[in-house]
């Protein structure tokens, strides 16, 4: 039986309005907020490294305001 790699835990202090936007966005993408933050960080790191985007990992337009969707 193989073990999953251990994941790093850390405390993140975040503005409540930003958290609310992340909750909305992650719900639209059927992810947890934690998974959404990890996804966004991974995409940012790949972009910074100049790596091609992950296939199939497209980001739909997002607006925290439901009237603008």
PDB file of N, CA and C in Angstrom:
ATOM      1  N   UNK A   1       0.851  -1.185   0.000  1.00  0.00           N
ATOM      2  CA  UNK A   1       0.000   0.000   0.000  1.00  0.00           C
ATOM      3  C   UNK A   1       0.892   1.242   0.000  1.00  0.00           C
ATOM      4  N   UNK A   2       0.679   2.167  -0.940  1.00  0.00           N
ATOM      5  CA  UNK A   2       1.512   3.364  -0.984  1.00  0.00           C
ATOM      6  C   UNK A   2       0.897   4.466  -0.127  1.00  0.00           C
ATOM      7  N   UNK A   3       1.778   5.269   0.428  1.00  0.00           N
ATOM      8  CA  UNK A   3       1.321   6.379   1.258  1.00  0.00           C
ATOM      9  C   UNK A   3       1.272   7.647   0.419  1.00  0.00           C
ATOM     10  N   UNK A   4       0.297   8.482   0.722  1.00  0.00           N
ATOM     11  CA  UNK A   4       0.208   9.774   0.053  1.00  0.00           C
ATOM     12  C   UNK A   4       1.280  10.687   0.619  1.00  0.00           C
ATOM     13  N   UNK A   5       1.839  11.552  -0.227  1.00  0.00           N
ATOM     14  CA  UNK A   5       2.833  12.480   0.303  1.00  0.00           C
ATOM     15  C   UNK A   5       2.195  13.391   1.352  1.00  0.00           C
ATOM     16  N   UNK A   6       2.969  13.691   2.365  1.00  0.00           N
ATOM     17  CA  UNK A   6       2.467  14.563   3.426  1.00  0.00           C
ATOM     18  C   UNK A   6       2.345  15.987   2.886  1.00  0.00           C
ATOM     19  N   UNK A   7       1.304  16.666   3.304  1.00  0.00           N
ATOM     20  CA  UNK A   7       1.065  18.036   2.840  1.00  0.00           C
ATOM     21  C   UNK A   7       1.410  19.000   3.960  1.00  0.00           C
ATOM     22  N   UNK A   8       1.873  20.156   3.593  1.00  0.00           N
ATOM     23  CA  UNK A   8       2.256  21.201   4.538  1.00  0.00           C
ATOM     24  C   UNK A   8       1.017  21.980   4.960  1.00  0.00           C
ATOM     25  N   UNK A   9       0.836  22.163   6.260  1.00  0.00           N
ATOM     26  CA  UNK A   9      -0.248  22.982   6.799  1.00  0.00           C
ATOM     27  C   UNK A   9       0.325  24.299   7.293  1.00  0.00           C
ATOM     28  N   UNK A  10      -0.453  25.369   7.139  1.00  0.00           N
ATOM     29  CA  UNK A  10      -0.042  26.661   7.682  1.00  0.00           C
ATOM     30  C   UNK A  10      -1.268  27.535   7.891  1.00  0.00           C
ATOM     31  N   UNK A  11      -1.122  28.505   8.756  1.00  0.00           N
ATOM     32  CA  UNK A  11      -2.196  29.444   9.056  1.00  0.00           C
ATOM     33  C   UNK A  11      -2.145  30.593   8.058  1.00  0.00           C
ATOM     34  N   UNK A  12      -3.289  30.956   7.511  1.00  0.00           N
ATOM     35  CA  UNK A  12      -3.372  32.062   6.564  1.00  0.00           C
ATOM     36  C   UNK A  12      -4.377  33.078   7.098  1.00  0.00           C
ATOM     37  N   UNK A  13      -3.921  34.276   7.299  1.00  0.00           N
ATOM     38  CA  UNK A  13      -4.825  35.363   7.690  1.00  0.00           C
ATOM     39  C   UNK A  13      -5.250  36.063   6.408  1.00  0.00           C
ATOM     40  N   UNK A  14      -6.559  36.235   6.241  1.00  0.00           N
ATOM     41  CA  UNK A  14      -7.066  36.758   4.977  1.00  0.00           C
ATOM     42  C   UNK A  14      -8.237  37.702   5.241  1.00  0.00           C
ATOM     43  N   UNK A  15      -8.324  38.725   4.436  1.00  0.00           N
ATOM     44  CA  UNK A  15      -9.398  39.704   4.540  1.00  0.00           C
ATOM     45  C   UNK A  15     -10.751  38.994   4.351  1.00  0.00           C
ATOM     46  N   UNK A  16     -11.725  39.272   5.199  1.00  0.00           N
ATOM     47  CA  UNK A  16     -13.032  38.603   5.088  1.00  0.00           C
ATOM     48  C   UNK A  16     -13.702  38.778   3.723  1.00  0.00           C
ATOM     49  N   UNK A  17     -13.557  39.936   3.100  1.00  0.00           N
ATOM     50  CA  UNK A  17     -14.165  40.149   1.781  1.00  0.00           C
ATOM     51  C   UNK A  17     -13.499  39.258   0.734  1.00  0.00           C
ATOM     52  N   UNK A  18     -12.184  39.116   0.802  1.00  0.00           N
ATOM     53  CA  UNK A  18     -11.470  38.238  -0.116  1.00  0.00           C
ATOM     54  C   UNK A  18     -11.883  36.783   0.123  1.00  0.00           C
ATOM     55  N   UNK A  19     -12.018  36.389   1.382  1.00  0.00           N
ATOM     56  CA  UNK A  19     -12.459  35.034   1.711  1.00  0.00           C
ATOM     57  C   UNK A  19     -13.833  34.755   1.103  1.00  0.00           C
ATOM     58  N   UNK A  20     -14.729  35.716   1.216  1.00  0.00           N
ATOM     59  CA  UNK A  20     -16.066  35.568   0.658  1.00  0.00           C
ATOM     60  C   UNK A  20     -16.003  35.368  -0.853  1.00  0.00           C
ATOM     61  N   UNK A  21     -15.176  36.167  -1.530  1.00  0.00           N
ATOM     62  CA  UNK A  21     -15.011  36.017  -2.977  1.00  0.00           C
ATOM     63  C   UNK A  21     -14.441  34.644  -3.320  1.00  0.00           C
ATOM     64  N   UNK A  22     -13.473  34.178  -2.540  1.00  0.00           N
ATOM     65  CA  UNK A  22     -12.882  32.859  -2.783  1.00  0.00           C
ATOM     66  C   UNK A  22     -13.908  31.741  -2.557  1.00  0.00           C
ATOM     67  N   UNK A  23     -14.756  31.898  -1.552  1.00  0.00           N
ATOM     68  CA  UNK A  23     -15.815  30.908  -1.306  1.00  0.00           C
ATOM     69  C   UNK A  23     -16.758  30.820  -2.510  1.00  0.00           C
ATOM     70  N   UNK A  24     -17.149  31.966  -3.017  1.00  0.00           N
ATOM     71  CA  UNK A  24     -18.050  32.004  -4.164  1.00  0.00           C
ATOM     72  C   UNK A  24     -17.392  31.357  -5.375  1.00  0.00           C
ATOM     73  N   UNK A  25     -16.156  31.742  -5.648  1.00  0.00           N
ATOM     74  CA  UNK A  25     -15.427  31.232  -6.800  1.00  0.00           C
ATOM     75  C   UNK A  25     -15.208  29.724  -6.683  1.00  0.00           C
ATOM     76  N   UNK A  26     -14.790  29.279  -5.524  1.00  0.00           N
ATOM     77  CA  UNK A  26     -14.527  27.850  -5.351  1.00  0.00           C
ATOM     78  C   UNK A  26     -15.818  27.040  -5.492  1.00  0.00           C
ATOM     79  N   UNK A  27     -16.930  27.563  -5.021  1.00  0.00           N
ATOM     80  CA  UNK A  27     -18.210  26.861  -5.177  1.00  0.00           C
ATOM     81  C   UNK A  27     -18.577  26.735  -6.650  1.00  0.00           C
ATOM     82  N   UNK A  28     -18.314  27.782  -7.428  1.00  0.00           N
ATOM     83  CA  UNK A  28     -18.600  27.747  -8.863  1.00  0.00           C
ATOM     84  C   UNK A  28     -17.749  26.690  -9.563  1.00  0.00           C
ATOM     85  N   UNK A  29     -16.555  26.445  -9.064  1.00  0.00           N
ATOM     86  CA  UNK A  29     -15.635  25.483  -9.677  1.00  0.00           C
ATOM     87  C   UNK A  29     -15.695  24.118  -8.989  1.00  0.00           C
ATOM     88  N   UNK A  30     -16.644  23.961  -8.070  1.00  0.00           N
ATOM     89  CA  UNK A  30     -16.842  22.707  -7.333  1.00  0.00           C
ATOM     90  C   UNK A  30     -15.567  22.266  -6.615  1.00  0.00           C
ATOM     91  N   UNK A  31     -14.898  23.236  -5.980  1.00  0.00           N
ATOM     92  CA  UNK A  31     -13.700  22.967  -5.192  1.00  0.00           C
ATOM     93  C   UNK A  31     -13.919  23.519  -3.792  1.00  0.00           C
ATOM     94  N   UNK A  32     -13.120  23.008  -2.850  1.00  0.00           N
ATOM     95  CA  UNK A  32     -13.084  23.632  -1.529  1.00  0.00           C
ATOM     96  C   UNK A  32     -12.272  24.913  -1.654  1.00  0.00           C
ATOM     97  N   UNK A  33     -12.411  25.796  -0.693  1.00  0.00           N
ATOM     98  CA  UNK A  33     -11.620  27.031  -0.714  1.00  0.00           C
ATOM     99  C   UNK A  33     -10.136  26.681  -0.652  1.00  0.00           C
ATOM    100  N   UNK A  34      -9.783  25.702   0.164  1.00  0.00           N
ATOM    101  CA  UNK A  34      -8.383  25.284   0.259  1.00  0.00           C
ATOM    102  C   UNK A  34      -7.855  24.824  -1.106  1.00  0.00           C
ATOM    103  N   UNK A  35      -8.628  23.992  -1.791  1.00  0.00           N
ATOM    104  CA  UNK A  35      -8.213  23.513  -3.116  1.00  0.00           C
ATOM    105  C   UNK A  35      -8.130  24.653  -4.124  1.00  0.00           C
ATOM    106  N   UNK A  36      -9.043  25.602  -4.027  1.00  0.00           N
ATOM    107  CA  UNK A  36      -9.039  26.747  -4.946  1.00  0.00           C
ATOM    108  C   UNK A  36      -7.783  27.589  -4.731  1.00  0.00           C
ATOM    109  N   UNK A  37      -7.441  27.848  -3.472  1.00  0.00           N
ATOM    110  CA  UNK A  37      -6.240  28.633  -3.176  1.00  0.00           C
ATOM    111  C   UNK A  37      -5.004  27.890  -3.690  1.00  0.00           C
ATOM    112  N   UNK A  38      -4.941  26.579  -3.450  1.00  0.00           N
ATOM    113  CA  UNK A  38      -3.796  25.797  -3.931  1.00  0.00           C
ATOM    114  C   UNK A  38      -3.727  25.825  -5.459  1.00  0.00           C
ATOM    115  N   UNK A  39      -4.866  25.705  -6.127  1.00  0.00           N
ATOM    116  CA  UNK A  39      -4.914  25.765  -7.588  1.00  0.00           C
ATOM    117  C   UNK A  39      -4.388  27.118  -8.091  1.00  0.00           C
ATOM    118  N   UNK A  40      -4.876  28.197  -7.491  1.00  0.00           N
ATOM    119  CA  UNK A  40      -4.454  29.529  -7.918  1.00  0.00           C
ATOM    120  C   UNK A  40      -2.964  29.749  -7.687  1.00  0.00           C
ATOM    121  N   UNK A  41      -2.459  29.287  -6.550  1.00  0.00           N
ATOM    122  CA  UNK A  41      -1.030  29.415  -6.277  1.00  0.00           C
ATOM    123  C   UNK A  41      -0.209  28.594  -7.269  1.00  0.00           C
ATOM    124  N   UNK A  42      -0.666  27.385  -7.565  1.00  0.00           N
ATOM    125  CA  UNK A  42       0.054  26.538  -8.523  1.00  0.00           C
ATOM    126  C   UNK A  42       0.096  27.206  -9.901  1.00  0.00           C
ATOM    127  N   UNK A  43      -1.028  27.762 -10.350  1.00  0.00           N
ATOM    128  CA  UNK A  43      -1.069  28.446 -11.644  1.00  0.00           C
ATOM    129  C   UNK A  43      -0.136  29.661 -11.661  1.00  0.00           C
ATOM    130  N   UNK A  44      -0.107  30.404 -10.558  1.00  0.00           N
ATOM    131  CA  UNK A  44       0.772  31.576 -10.469  1.00  0.00           C
ATOM    132  C   UNK A  44       2.244  31.174 -10.523  1.00  0.00           C
ATOM    133  N   UNK A  45       2.592  30.086  -9.841  1.00  0.00           N
ATOM    134  CA  UNK A  45       3.983  29.609  -9.843  1.00  0.00           C
ATOM    135  C   UNK A  45       4.366  29.138 -11.245  1.00  0.00           C
ATOM    136  N   UNK A  46       3.481  28.388 -11.915  1.00  0.00           N
ATOM    137  CA  UNK A  46       3.775  27.946 -13.274  1.00  0.00           C
ATOM    138  C   UNK A  46       3.962  29.130 -14.214  1.00  0.00           C
ATOM    139  N   UNK A  47       3.115  30.138 -14.071  1.00  0.00           N
ATOM    140  CA  UNK A  47       3.221  31.336 -14.912  1.00  0.00           C
ATOM    141  C   UNK A  47       4.542  32.050 -14.656  1.00  0.00           C
ATOM    142  N   UNK A  48       4.909  32.156 -13.391  1.00  0.00           N
ATOM    143  CA  UNK A  48       6.169  32.829 -13.039  1.00  0.00           C
ATOM    144  C   UNK A  48       7.372  32.078 -13.599  1.00  0.00           C
ATOM    145  N   UNK A  49       7.294  30.744 -13.588  1.00  0.00           N
ATOM    146  CA  UNK A  49       8.391  29.928 -14.115  1.00  0.00           C
ATOM    147  C   UNK A  49       8.398  29.899 -15.646  1.00  0.00           C
ATOM    148  N   UNK A  50       7.331  30.400 -16.252  1.00  0.00           N
ATOM    149  CA  UNK A  50       7.236  30.365 -17.706  1.00  0.00           C
ATOM    150  C   UNK A  50       6.798  29.013 -18.231  1.00  0.00           C
ATOM    151  N   UNK A  51       6.239  28.177 -17.368  1.00  0.00           N
ATOM    152  CA  UNK A  51       5.757  26.860 -17.770  1.00  0.00           C
ATOM    153  C   UNK A  51       4.408  26.990 -18.460  1.00  0.00           C
ATOM    154  N   UNK A  52       4.109  26.058 -19.357  1.00  0.00           N
ATOM    155  CA  UNK A  52       2.784  26.099 -19.983  1.00  0.00           C
ATOM    156  C   UNK A  52       1.706  25.788 -18.957  1.00  0.00           C
ATOM    157  N   UNK A  53       0.503  26.304 -19.157  1.00  0.00           N
ATOM    158  CA  UNK A  53      -0.586  26.024 -18.213  1.00  0.00           C
ATOM    159  C   UNK A  53      -0.922  24.542 -18.196  1.00  0.00           C
ATOM    160  N   UNK A  54      -1.514  24.113 -17.114  1.00  0.00           N
ATOM    161  CA  UNK A  54      -1.925  22.719 -16.965  1.00  0.00           C
ATOM    162  C   UNK A  54      -3.070  22.464 -17.940  1.00  0.00           C
ATOM    163  N   UNK A  55      -2.961  21.409 -18.793  1.00  0.00           N
ATOM    164  CA  UNK A  55      -4.036  21.115 -19.748  1.00  0.00           C
ATOM    165  C   UNK A  55      -5.374  20.902 -19.049  1.00  0.00           C
ATOM    166  N   UNK A  56      -6.417  21.495 -19.622  1.00  0.00           N
ATOM    167  CA  UNK A  56      -7.757  21.316 -19.081  1.00  0.00           C
ATOM    168  C   UNK A  56      -8.041  22.172 -17.859  1.00  0.00           C
ATOM    169  N   UNK A  57      -7.075  22.976 -17.431  1.00  0.00           N
ATOM    170  CA  UNK A  57      -7.264  23.793 -16.232  1.00  0.00           C
ATOM    171  C   UNK A  57      -7.563  25.225 -16.647  1.00  0.00           C
ATOM    172  N   UNK A  58      -8.721  25.425 -17.217  1.00  0.00           N
ATOM    173  CA  UNK A  58      -9.108  26.764 -17.642  1.00  0.00           C
ATOM    174  C   UNK A  58      -9.888  27.434 -16.531  1.00  0.00           C
ATOM    175  N   UNK A  59      -9.801  28.723 -16.498  1.00  0.00           N
ATOM    176  CA  UNK A  59     -10.519  29.494 -15.481  1.00  0.00           C
ATOM    177  C   UNK A  59     -11.634  30.275 -16.154  1.00  0.00           C
ATOM    178  N   UNK A  60     -12.880  29.997 -15.803  1.00  0.00           N
ATOM    179  CA  UNK A  60     -13.972  30.773 -16.369  1.00  0.00           C
ATOM    180  C   UNK A  60     -13.962  32.186 -15.788  1.00  0.00           C
ATOM    181  N   UNK A  61     -14.584  33.122 -16.478  1.00  0.00           N
ATOM    182  CA  UNK A  61     -14.667  34.475 -15.913  1.00  0.00           C
ATOM    183  C   UNK A  61     -15.328  34.420 -14.548  1.00  0.00           C
ATOM    184  N   UNK A  62     -14.831  35.209 -13.622  1.00  0.00           N
ATOM    185  CA  UNK A  62     -15.361  35.193 -12.265  1.00  0.00           C
ATOM    186  C   UNK A  62     -15.729  36.601 -11.844  1.00  0.00           C
ATOM    187  N   UNK A  63     -16.867  36.702 -11.234  1.00  0.00           N
ATOM    188  CA  UNK A  63     -17.282  37.948 -10.616  1.00  0.00           C
ATOM    189  C   UNK A  63     -17.903  37.607  -9.273  1.00  0.00           C
ATOM    190  N   UNK A  64     -17.424  38.218  -8.197  1.00  0.00           N
ATOM    191  CA  UNK A  64     -18.039  37.938  -6.898  1.00  0.00           C
ATOM    192  C   UNK A  64     -19.462  38.476  -6.801  1.00  0.00           C
ATOM    193  N   UNK A  65     -19.823  39.374  -7.721  1.00  0.00           N
ATOM    194  CA  UNK A  65     -21.161  39.939  -7.741  1.00  0.00           C
ATOM    195  C   UNK A  65     -22.059  39.062  -8.601  1.00  0.00           C
ATOM    196  N   UNK A  66     -23.043  38.349  -8.002  1.00  0.00           N
ATOM    197  CA  UNK A  66     -23.891  37.430  -8.776  1.00  0.00           C
ATOM    198  C   UNK A  66     -24.622  38.107  -9.944  1.00  0.00           C
ATOM    199  N   UNK A  67     -24.851  39.423  -9.865  1.00  0.00           N
ATOM    200  CA  UNK A  67     -25.553  40.125 -10.944  1.00  0.00           C
ATOM    201  C   UNK A  67     -24.675  40.247 -12.197  1.00  0.00           C
ATOM    202  N   UNK A  68     -23.363  40.104 -12.041  1.00  0.00           N
ATOM    203  CA  UNK A  68     -22.439  40.269 -13.167  1.00  0.00           C
ATOM    204  C   UNK A  68     -22.080  38.939 -13.811  1.00  0.00           C
ATOM    205  N   UNK A  69     -22.610  37.829 -13.337  1.00  0.00           N
ATOM    206  CA  UNK A  69     -22.275  36.517 -13.908  1.00  0.00           C
ATOM    207  C   UNK A  69     -23.081  36.199 -15.128  1.00  0.00           C
TER     208      UNK A  69
END
